[in-house]
Amino acid sequence: MTPNSRIKLANFITLKAKPGQEENLAAFLAGGASAVASTEPLTLSWFAVRIDAGTFGIIDFFADQVGQDAHVSGQVAAALKAGADQMIVGGWEEGVLKHFQVFEVLSAAI
């Protein structure tokens, strides 16, 4: 591991799958890393995690606000928005945006 001083911002989102949609949401998130890597050069790192059977998280990292803005308006976010009503409790507004948090990164090693 080496220190990475370029990472300055992080997003964290928790998502609760609708009953019966757990594996669909897991599959969607499992494909997210390759989509981010191929379409979002300003996203430095992107992770999707399963917290429990029906709860998931997305954690991503950026050098600056420009990178974060590009991610939020990118293809993966658009695909999540399109599928949110079907897969996520609360849909886009209450299920995704309400749980969207932004953090300042003080130190990083990757």
C-alpha atoms as a PDB file:
ATOM      1  CA  MET A   1       0.000   0.000   0.000  1.00  0.00           C
ATOM      2  CA  THR A   2       1.159   3.474  -0.790  1.00  0.00           C
ATOM      3  CA  PRO A   3      -0.227   6.818   0.325  1.00  0.00           C
ATOM      4  CA  ASN A   4      -2.462   8.531  -2.204  1.00  0.00           C
ATOM      5  CA  SER A   5      -2.624  12.270  -1.652  1.00  0.00           C
ATOM      6  CA  ARG A   6      -4.812  12.774  -4.745  1.00  0.00           C
ATOM      7  CA  ILE A   7      -7.931  11.425  -3.013  1.00  0.00           C
ATOM      8  CA  LYS A   8      -9.780  14.349  -1.416  1.00  0.00           C
ATOM      9  CA  LEU A   9     -13.518  13.514  -1.579  1.00  0.00           C
ATOM     10  CA  ALA A  10     -15.592  10.403  -0.944  1.00  0.00           C
ATOM     11  CA  ASN A  11     -19.228   9.518  -1.500  1.00  0.00           C
ATOM     12  CA  PHE A  12     -21.023   6.906   0.568  1.00  0.00           C
ATOM     13  CA  ILE A  13     -24.535   5.675  -0.160  1.00  0.00           C
ATOM     14  CA  THR A  14     -26.509   2.928   1.540  1.00  0.00           C
ATOM     15  CA  LEU A  15     -29.209   1.177  -0.472  1.00  0.00           C
ATOM     16  CA  LYS A  16     -31.955  -1.105   0.845  1.00  0.00           C
ATOM     17  CA  ALA A  17     -33.247  -3.582  -1.737  1.00  0.00           C
ATOM     18  CA  LYS A  18     -36.974  -4.072  -2.120  1.00  0.00           C
ATOM     19  CA  PRO A  19     -38.121  -7.544  -1.045  1.00  0.00           C
ATOM     20  CA  GLY A  20     -37.336  -9.974  -3.856  1.00  0.00           C
ATOM     21  CA  GLN A  21     -34.911  -7.529  -5.520  1.00  0.00           C
ATOM     22  CA  GLU A  22     -31.834  -8.320  -3.432  1.00  0.00           C
ATOM     23  CA  GLU A  23     -30.050 -10.378  -6.071  1.00  0.00           C
ATOM     24  CA  ASN A  24     -31.040  -7.996  -8.892  1.00  0.00           C
ATOM     25  CA  LEU A  25     -29.525  -5.085  -6.982  1.00  0.00           C
ATOM     26  CA  ALA A  26     -26.443  -7.183  -6.148  1.00  0.00           C
ATOM     27  CA  ALA A  27     -26.002  -8.056  -9.832  1.00  0.00           C
ATOM     28  CA  PHE A  28     -26.433  -4.430 -10.883  1.00  0.00           C
ATOM     29  CA  LEU A  29     -23.811  -3.307  -8.381  1.00  0.00           C
ATOM     30  CA  ALA A  30     -21.459  -6.143  -9.327  1.00  0.00           C
ATOM     31  CA  GLY A  31     -21.322  -4.710 -12.860  1.00  0.00           C
ATOM     32  CA  GLY A  32     -20.761  -1.179 -11.659  1.00  0.00           C
ATOM     33  CA  ALA A  33     -16.987  -1.234 -11.311  1.00  0.00           C
ATOM     34  CA  SER A  34     -16.322  -2.029 -14.958  1.00  0.00           C
ATOM     35  CA  ALA A  35     -18.821   0.611 -16.074  1.00  0.00           C
ATOM     36  CA  VAL A  36     -17.216   3.246 -13.846  1.00  0.00           C
ATOM     37  CA  ALA A  37     -13.717   2.255 -14.984  1.00  0.00           C
ATOM     38  CA  SER A  38     -14.629   2.552 -18.659  1.00  0.00           C
ATOM     39  CA  THR A  39     -16.691   5.757 -18.518  1.00  0.00           C
ATOM     40  CA  GLU A  40     -15.462   7.823 -15.546  1.00  0.00           C
ATOM     41  CA  PRO A  41     -11.746   8.606 -15.646  1.00  0.00           C
ATOM     42  CA  LEU A  42     -12.083  11.100 -12.786  1.00  0.00           C
ATOM     43  CA  THR A  43     -13.448   8.485 -10.373  1.00  0.00           C
ATOM     44  CA  LEU A  44     -10.286   7.271  -8.648  1.00  0.00           C
ATOM     45  CA  SER A  45     -11.830   4.275  -6.857  1.00  0.00           C
ATOM     46  CA  TRP A  46     -15.326   2.781  -6.728  1.00  0.00           C
ATOM     47  CA  PHE A  47     -16.582  -0.012  -4.474  1.00  0.00           C
ATOM     48  CA  ALA A  48     -19.933  -1.739  -4.081  1.00  0.00           C
ATOM     49  CA  VAL A  49     -20.434  -3.716  -0.871  1.00  0.00           C
ATOM     50  CA  ARG A  50     -23.108  -5.935   0.635  1.00  0.00           C
ATOM     51  CA  ILE A  51     -23.761  -4.936   4.239  1.00  0.00           C
ATOM     52  CA  ASP A  52     -26.356  -7.627   4.933  1.00  0.00           C
ATOM     53  CA  ALA A  53     -28.789  -9.716   2.872  1.00  0.00           C
ATOM     54  CA  GLY A  54     -30.762  -6.718   1.616  1.00  0.00           C
ATOM     55  CA  THR A  55     -28.567  -3.705   2.357  1.00  0.00           C
ATOM     56  CA  PHE A  56     -25.800  -2.510   0.063  1.00  0.00           C
ATOM     57  CA  GLY A  57     -23.360   0.366  -0.082  1.00  0.00           C
ATOM     58  CA  ILE A  58     -21.482   2.296  -2.725  1.00  0.00           C
ATOM     59  CA  ILE A  59     -18.236   4.037  -1.790  1.00  0.00           C
ATOM     60  CA  ASP A  60     -16.310   6.112  -4.314  1.00  0.00           C
ATOM     61  CA  PHE A  61     -13.363   8.490  -4.255  1.00  0.00           C
ATOM     62  CA  PHE A  62     -12.328  11.607  -6.178  1.00  0.00           C
ATOM     63  CA  ALA A  63      -9.502  14.125  -6.392  1.00  0.00           C
ATOM     64  CA  ASP A  64     -11.863  17.089  -6.519  1.00  0.00           C
ATOM     65  CA  GLN A  65     -15.391  18.380  -6.997  1.00  0.00           C
ATOM     66  CA  VAL A  66     -15.069  18.142 -10.781  1.00  0.00           C
ATOM     67  CA  GLY A  67     -14.568  14.371 -10.516  1.00  0.00           C
ATOM     68  CA  GLN A  68     -17.419  13.979  -8.081  1.00  0.00           C
ATOM     69  CA  ASP A  69     -19.750  16.039 -10.283  1.00  0.00           C
ATOM     70  CA  ALA A  70     -18.797  13.962 -13.325  1.00  0.00           C
ATOM     71  CA  HIS A  71     -19.579  10.775 -11.415  1.00  0.00           C
ATOM     72  CA  VAL A  72     -22.949  11.988 -10.145  1.00  0.00           C
ATOM     73  CA  SER A  73     -23.953  12.902 -13.697  1.00  0.00           C
ATOM     74  CA  GLY A  74     -22.380   9.783 -15.239  1.00  0.00           C
ATOM     75  CA  GLN A  75     -23.760   6.622 -16.821  1.00  0.00           C
ATOM     76  CA  VAL A  76     -23.718   4.501 -13.671  1.00  0.00           C
ATOM     77  CA  ALA A  77     -25.699   7.074 -11.690  1.00  0.00           C
ATOM     78  CA  ALA A  78     -28.169   7.355 -14.594  1.00  0.00           C
ATOM     79  CA  ALA A  79     -28.599   3.570 -14.675  1.00  0.00           C
ATOM     80  CA  LEU A  80     -29.103   3.466 -10.902  1.00  0.00           C
ATOM     81  CA  LYS A  81     -31.699   6.219 -11.163  1.00  0.00           C
ATOM     82  CA  ALA A  82     -33.507   4.330 -13.934  1.00  0.00           C
ATOM     83  CA  GLY A  83     -33.697   1.140 -11.848  1.00  0.00           C
ATOM     84  CA  ALA A  84     -34.191   2.648  -8.411  1.00  0.00           C
ATOM     85  CA  ASP A  85     -37.991   2.507  -8.337  1.00  0.00           C
ATOM     86  CA  GLN A  86     -37.918  -1.203  -9.175  1.00  0.00           C
ATOM     87  CA  MET A  87     -35.003  -2.307  -6.961  1.00  0.00           C
ATOM     88  CA  ILE A  88     -34.592   0.109  -4.037  1.00  0.00           C
ATOM     89  CA  VAL A  89     -36.872   0.847  -1.099  1.00  0.00           C
ATOM     90  CA  GLY A  90     -37.865   4.509  -1.467  1.00  0.00           C
ATOM     91  CA  GLY A  91     -36.822   4.705  -5.118  1.00  0.00           C
ATOM     92  CA  TRP A  92     -34.444   7.424  -6.276  1.00  0.00           C
ATOM     93  CA  GLU A  93     -35.425  10.302  -3.991  1.00  0.00           C
ATOM     94  CA  GLU A  94     -36.012   8.535  -0.669  1.00  0.00           C
ATOM     95  CA  GLY A  95     -33.929   5.420  -1.235  1.00  0.00           C
ATOM     96  CA  VAL A  96     -30.818   6.811  -2.934  1.00  0.00           C
ATOM     97  CA  LEU A  97     -30.525  10.585  -2.609  1.00  0.00           C
ATOM     98  CA  LYS A  98     -31.675  10.630   1.018  1.00  0.00           C
ATOM     99  CA  HIS A  99     -28.801   8.286   1.907  1.00  0.00           C
ATOM    100  CA  PHE A 100     -26.121  10.049  -0.168  1.00  0.00           C
ATOM    101  CA  GLN A 101     -23.255  11.372   1.968  1.00  0.00           C
ATOM    102  CA  VAL A 102     -20.121  13.266   0.942  1.00  0.00           C
ATOM    103  CA  PHE A 103     -16.930  13.222   3.023  1.00  0.00           C
ATOM    104  CA  GLU A 104     -13.614  15.021   2.959  1.00  0.00           C
ATOM    105  CA  VAL A 105     -10.795  12.469   2.828  1.00  0.00           C
ATOM    106  CA  LEU A 106      -8.009  13.339   5.258  1.00  0.00           C
ATOM    107  CA  SER A 107      -5.674  10.477   4.369  1.00  0.00           C
ATOM    108  CA  ALA A 108      -5.693   7.485   2.022  1.00  0.00           C
ATOM    109  CA  ALA A 109      -3.551   4.438   1.332  1.00  0.00           C
ATOM    110  CA  ILE A 110      -4.296   2.199  -1.624  1.00  0.00           C
END
